[in-house]
Amino acid sequence: MLVLSRKVGQRLVIDDNITIVINRIAGNRVQIGIEAPDHVHIMRGELDKIRRQFSEPDQTPPQKPASIAIVGEFDSSVDITSRSMH
């Protein structure tokens, strides 16, 4: 993992077609902007974790439903209702 320090307004460029811009820093929160081609899928880490749980067959039974296990990582504005996947 590459770890960099950036200031507001500074950018990171990945593979000539993805740009990450530091928009705002307030306390322990950093707001970033991501410029990427339409075919590049971008997803928040906690949502990707849930997506993977539903899309990959798991050989061991889950101990808790995903919505309960990681509820502390969500903003209050995110709907984390469990949905049955068919």
N, C-alpha and C. Protein backbone atom coordinates (compact mmCIF):
# COMPACT_ATOMS: atom_id res chain seq x y z
N MET A 1 0.85 -1.17 0.00
CA MET A 1 0.00 0.00 0.00
C MET A 1 0.89 1.23 0.00
N LEU A 2 0.57 2.15 -0.87
CA LEU A 2 1.27 3.43 -0.93
C LEU A 2 0.51 4.41 -0.04
N VAL A 3 1.21 5.06 0.87
CA VAL A 3 0.59 6.04 1.77
C VAL A 3 1.20 7.40 1.46
N LEU A 4 0.34 8.37 1.16
CA LEU A 4 0.79 9.71 0.80
C LEU A 4 0.10 10.75 1.67
N SER A 5 0.76 11.86 1.88
CA SER A 5 0.13 13.01 2.52
C SER A 5 -0.23 14.00 1.44
N ARG A 6 -1.42 14.55 1.51
CA ARG A 6 -1.90 15.53 0.53
C ARG A 6 -2.57 16.67 1.26
N LYS A 7 -2.59 17.82 0.64
CA LYS A 7 -3.28 19.00 1.16
C LYS A 7 -4.50 19.26 0.28
N VAL A 8 -5.41 20.09 0.79
CA VAL A 8 -6.61 20.44 0.04
C VAL A 8 -6.22 21.00 -1.33
N GLY A 9 -6.89 20.50 -2.36
CA GLY A 9 -6.63 20.94 -3.72
C GLY A 9 -5.60 20.09 -4.46
N GLN A 10 -4.82 19.32 -3.73
CA GLN A 10 -3.82 18.48 -4.38
C GLN A 10 -4.49 17.23 -4.95
N ARG A 11 -3.83 16.64 -5.96
CA ARG A 11 -4.39 15.52 -6.69
C ARG A 11 -3.46 14.32 -6.67
N LEU A 12 -4.07 13.16 -6.89
CA LEU A 12 -3.34 11.93 -7.14
C LEU A 12 -3.83 11.42 -8.49
N VAL A 13 -2.93 10.97 -9.34
CA VAL A 13 -3.30 10.43 -10.64
C VAL A 13 -2.92 8.96 -10.67
N ILE A 14 -3.89 8.13 -11.07
CA ILE A 14 -3.69 6.69 -11.14
C ILE A 14 -3.86 6.25 -12.59
N ASP A 15 -2.84 5.66 -13.14
CA ASP A 15 -2.88 5.07 -14.48
C ASP A 15 -3.40 6.02 -15.56
N ASP A 16 -3.07 7.27 -15.48
CA ASP A 16 -3.39 8.29 -16.49
C ASP A 16 -4.88 8.54 -16.72
N ASN A 17 -5.79 7.80 -16.06
CA ASN A 17 -7.20 8.04 -16.34
C ASN A 17 -8.07 8.15 -15.08
N ILE A 18 -7.46 8.06 -13.90
CA ILE A 18 -8.21 8.23 -12.65
C ILE A 18 -7.50 9.31 -11.84
N THR A 19 -8.27 10.31 -11.43
CA THR A 19 -7.71 11.40 -10.63
C THR A 19 -8.49 11.51 -9.33
N ILE A 20 -7.76 11.58 -8.22
CA ILE A 20 -8.37 11.76 -6.91
C ILE A 20 -7.95 13.14 -6.41
N VAL A 21 -8.94 13.95 -6.04
CA VAL A 21 -8.71 15.32 -5.59
C VAL A 21 -9.11 15.42 -4.12
N ILE A 22 -8.27 16.04 -3.30
CA ILE A 22 -8.61 16.30 -1.90
C ILE A 22 -9.42 17.59 -1.88
N ASN A 23 -10.72 17.48 -1.57
CA ASN A 23 -11.60 18.65 -1.60
C ASN A 23 -11.65 19.40 -0.29
N ARG A 24 -11.71 18.66 0.83
CA ARG A 24 -11.84 19.31 2.12
C ARG A 24 -11.33 18.40 3.22
N ILE A 25 -10.72 19.00 4.25
CA ILE A 25 -10.29 18.26 5.43
C ILE A 25 -10.90 18.97 6.63
N ALA A 26 -11.66 18.24 7.43
CA ALA A 26 -12.29 18.82 8.62
C ALA A 26 -12.18 17.80 9.75
N GLY A 27 -11.33 18.08 10.71
CA GLY A 27 -11.14 17.15 11.83
C GLY A 27 -10.55 15.85 11.32
N ASN A 28 -11.25 14.74 11.59
CA ASN A 28 -10.74 13.44 11.15
C ASN A 28 -11.44 12.96 9.87
N ARG A 29 -12.10 13.86 9.15
CA ARG A 29 -12.79 13.51 7.91
C ARG A 29 -12.13 14.20 6.72
N VAL A 30 -12.00 13.44 5.65
CA VAL A 30 -11.42 13.95 4.41
C VAL A 30 -12.46 13.77 3.32
N GLN A 31 -12.77 14.82 2.58
CA GLN A 31 -13.69 14.71 1.46
C GLN A 31 -12.85 14.67 0.19
N ILE A 32 -13.09 13.64 -0.62
CA ILE A 32 -12.33 13.49 -1.86
C ILE A 32 -13.28 13.50 -3.05
N GLY A 33 -12.75 13.87 -4.20
CA GLY A 33 -13.46 13.77 -5.46
C GLY A 33 -12.70 12.80 -6.34
N ILE A 34 -13.43 12.00 -7.10
CA ILE A 34 -12.80 11.00 -7.96
C ILE A 34 -13.28 11.22 -9.39
N GLU A 35 -12.33 11.43 -10.28
CA GLU A 35 -12.62 11.55 -11.71
C GLU A 35 -12.11 10.28 -12.37
N ALA A 36 -13.03 9.54 -13.02
CA ALA A 36 -12.67 8.28 -13.65
C ALA A 36 -13.57 8.04 -14.85
N PRO A 37 -13.11 7.23 -15.80
CA PRO A 37 -13.96 6.89 -16.94
C PRO A 37 -15.23 6.15 -16.48
N ASP A 38 -16.27 6.21 -17.29
CA ASP A 38 -17.55 5.58 -16.93
C ASP A 38 -17.44 4.08 -16.68
N HIS A 39 -16.52 3.41 -17.34
CA HIS A 39 -16.41 1.95 -17.17
C HIS A 39 -15.72 1.54 -15.87
N VAL A 40 -15.14 2.50 -15.14
CA VAL A 40 -14.47 2.19 -13.87
C VAL A 40 -15.51 2.22 -12.76
N HIS A 41 -15.69 1.09 -12.09
CA HIS A 41 -16.66 0.95 -11.02
C HIS A 41 -16.05 1.45 -9.71
N ILE A 42 -16.70 2.41 -9.05
CA ILE A 42 -16.20 2.96 -7.79
C ILE A 42 -17.27 2.73 -6.73
N MET A 43 -16.88 2.14 -5.59
CA MET A 43 -17.84 1.83 -4.54
C MET A 43 -17.18 2.04 -3.18
N ARG A 44 -17.96 2.56 -2.23
CA ARG A 44 -17.46 2.70 -0.87
C ARG A 44 -17.12 1.32 -0.32
N GLY A 45 -16.05 1.25 0.46
CA GLY A 45 -15.55 -0.03 0.97
C GLY A 45 -16.57 -0.83 1.74
N GLU A 46 -17.35 -0.19 2.62
CA GLU A 46 -18.31 -0.95 3.42
C GLU A 46 -19.44 -1.51 2.55
N LEU A 47 -19.80 -0.85 1.47
CA LEU A 47 -20.82 -1.38 0.58
C LEU A 47 -20.26 -2.51 -0.27
N ASP A 48 -19.01 -2.41 -0.66
CA ASP A 48 -18.38 -3.49 -1.43
C ASP A 48 -18.31 -4.76 -0.59
N LYS A 49 -18.06 -4.61 0.70
CA LYS A 49 -17.99 -5.75 1.60
C LYS A 49 -19.33 -6.49 1.61
N ILE A 50 -20.44 -5.78 1.66
CA ILE A 50 -21.77 -6.38 1.64
C ILE A 50 -22.02 -7.02 0.28
N ARG A 51 -21.68 -6.33 -0.80
CA ARG A 51 -21.88 -6.86 -2.13
C ARG A 51 -21.16 -8.20 -2.30
N ARG A 52 -19.94 -8.27 -1.81
CA ARG A 52 -19.17 -9.51 -1.92
C ARG A 52 -19.80 -10.65 -1.12
N GLN A 53 -20.39 -10.33 0.03
CA GLN A 53 -21.02 -11.37 0.84
C GLN A 53 -22.20 -12.00 0.09
N PHE A 54 -22.92 -11.20 -0.69
CA PHE A 54 -24.07 -11.72 -1.42
C PHE A 54 -23.69 -12.35 -2.75
N SER A 55 -22.57 -11.93 -3.34
CA SER A 55 -22.23 -12.43 -4.66
C SER A 55 -21.30 -13.65 -4.65
N GLU A 56 -20.54 -13.84 -3.60
CA GLU A 56 -19.62 -14.97 -3.52
C GLU A 56 -20.21 -16.06 -2.63
N PRO A 57 -20.26 -17.30 -3.13
CA PRO A 57 -20.78 -18.37 -2.27
C PRO A 57 -19.86 -18.57 -1.07
N ASP A 58 -20.46 -18.60 0.10
CA ASP A 58 -19.69 -18.76 1.34
C ASP A 58 -19.90 -20.18 1.87
N GLN A 59 -18.84 -20.87 2.20
CA GLN A 59 -18.92 -22.24 2.66
C GLN A 59 -19.26 -22.35 4.14
N THR A 60 -19.05 -21.28 4.91
CA THR A 60 -19.35 -21.32 6.33
C THR A 60 -20.60 -20.48 6.60
N PRO A 61 -21.47 -20.92 7.50
CA PRO A 61 -22.67 -20.15 7.78
C PRO A 61 -22.31 -18.83 8.47
N PRO A 62 -22.98 -17.74 8.08
CA PRO A 62 -22.67 -16.46 8.71
C PRO A 62 -23.10 -16.45 10.17
N GLN A 63 -22.32 -15.75 11.00
CA GLN A 63 -22.65 -15.68 12.42
C GLN A 63 -23.70 -14.61 12.68
N LYS A 64 -23.65 -13.51 11.91
CA LYS A 64 -24.61 -12.43 12.05
C LYS A 64 -24.97 -11.96 10.64
N PRO A 65 -26.16 -11.43 10.45
CA PRO A 65 -26.47 -10.83 9.15
C PRO A 65 -25.54 -9.65 8.89
N ALA A 66 -25.19 -9.43 7.63
CA ALA A 66 -24.25 -8.36 7.27
C ALA A 66 -24.71 -7.00 7.76
N SER A 67 -26.01 -6.72 7.69
CA SER A 67 -26.50 -5.40 8.08
C SER A 67 -26.27 -5.12 9.56
N ILE A 68 -26.26 -6.15 10.38
CA ILE A 68 -26.01 -5.97 11.81
C ILE A 68 -24.52 -5.95 12.10
N ALA A 69 -23.75 -6.78 11.41
CA ALA A 69 -22.33 -6.93 11.69
C ALA A 69 -21.54 -5.66 11.43
N ILE A 70 -21.94 -4.84 10.45
CA ILE A 70 -21.13 -3.67 10.12
C ILE A 70 -21.91 -2.37 10.21
N VAL A 71 -23.00 -2.36 10.92
CA VAL A 71 -23.84 -1.17 10.99
C VAL A 71 -23.08 0.04 11.49
N GLY A 72 -22.08 -0.13 12.33
CA GLY A 72 -21.32 0.99 12.87
C GLY A 72 -20.49 1.72 11.83
N GLU A 73 -20.28 1.13 10.67
CA GLU A 73 -19.46 1.77 9.64
C GLU A 73 -20.26 2.66 8.71
N PHE A 74 -21.59 2.71 8.84
CA PHE A 74 -22.43 3.44 7.90
C PHE A 74 -22.77 4.83 8.38
N ASP A 75 -23.00 5.73 7.43
CA ASP A 75 -23.63 7.00 7.73
C ASP A 75 -25.08 6.71 8.07
N SER A 76 -25.71 7.56 8.85
CA SER A 76 -27.11 7.34 9.20
C SER A 76 -28.02 7.49 7.99
N SER A 77 -27.54 8.09 6.92
CA SER A 77 -28.36 8.29 5.73
C SER A 77 -28.40 7.08 4.82
N VAL A 78 -27.65 6.03 5.11
CA VAL A 78 -27.59 4.85 4.25
C VAL A 78 -28.60 3.82 4.71
N ASP A 79 -29.40 3.31 3.79
CA ASP A 79 -30.37 2.25 4.09
C ASP A 79 -29.64 0.92 4.12
N ILE A 80 -29.64 0.25 5.27
CA ILE A 80 -28.92 -1.02 5.41
C ILE A 80 -29.88 -2.17 5.65
N THR A 81 -31.11 -2.04 5.23
CA THR A 81 -32.10 -3.08 5.41
C THR A 81 -31.67 -4.34 4.69
N SER A 82 -31.79 -5.49 5.36
CA SER A 82 -31.45 -6.77 4.72
C SER A 82 -32.44 -7.07 3.62
N ARG A 83 -31.92 -7.57 2.51
CA ARG A 83 -32.77 -7.96 1.40
C ARG A 83 -32.38 -9.38 1.01
N SER A 84 -33.36 -10.16 0.69
CA SER A 84 -33.12 -11.53 0.25
C SER A 84 -32.66 -11.51 -1.20
N MET A 85 -31.56 -12.21 -1.50
CA MET A 85 -31.02 -12.27 -2.85
C MET A 85 -31.40 -13.61 -3.45
N HIS A 86 -31.92 -13.64 -4.69
CA HIS A 86 -32.30 -14.87 -5.36
C HIS A 86 -31.42 -15.13 -6.52
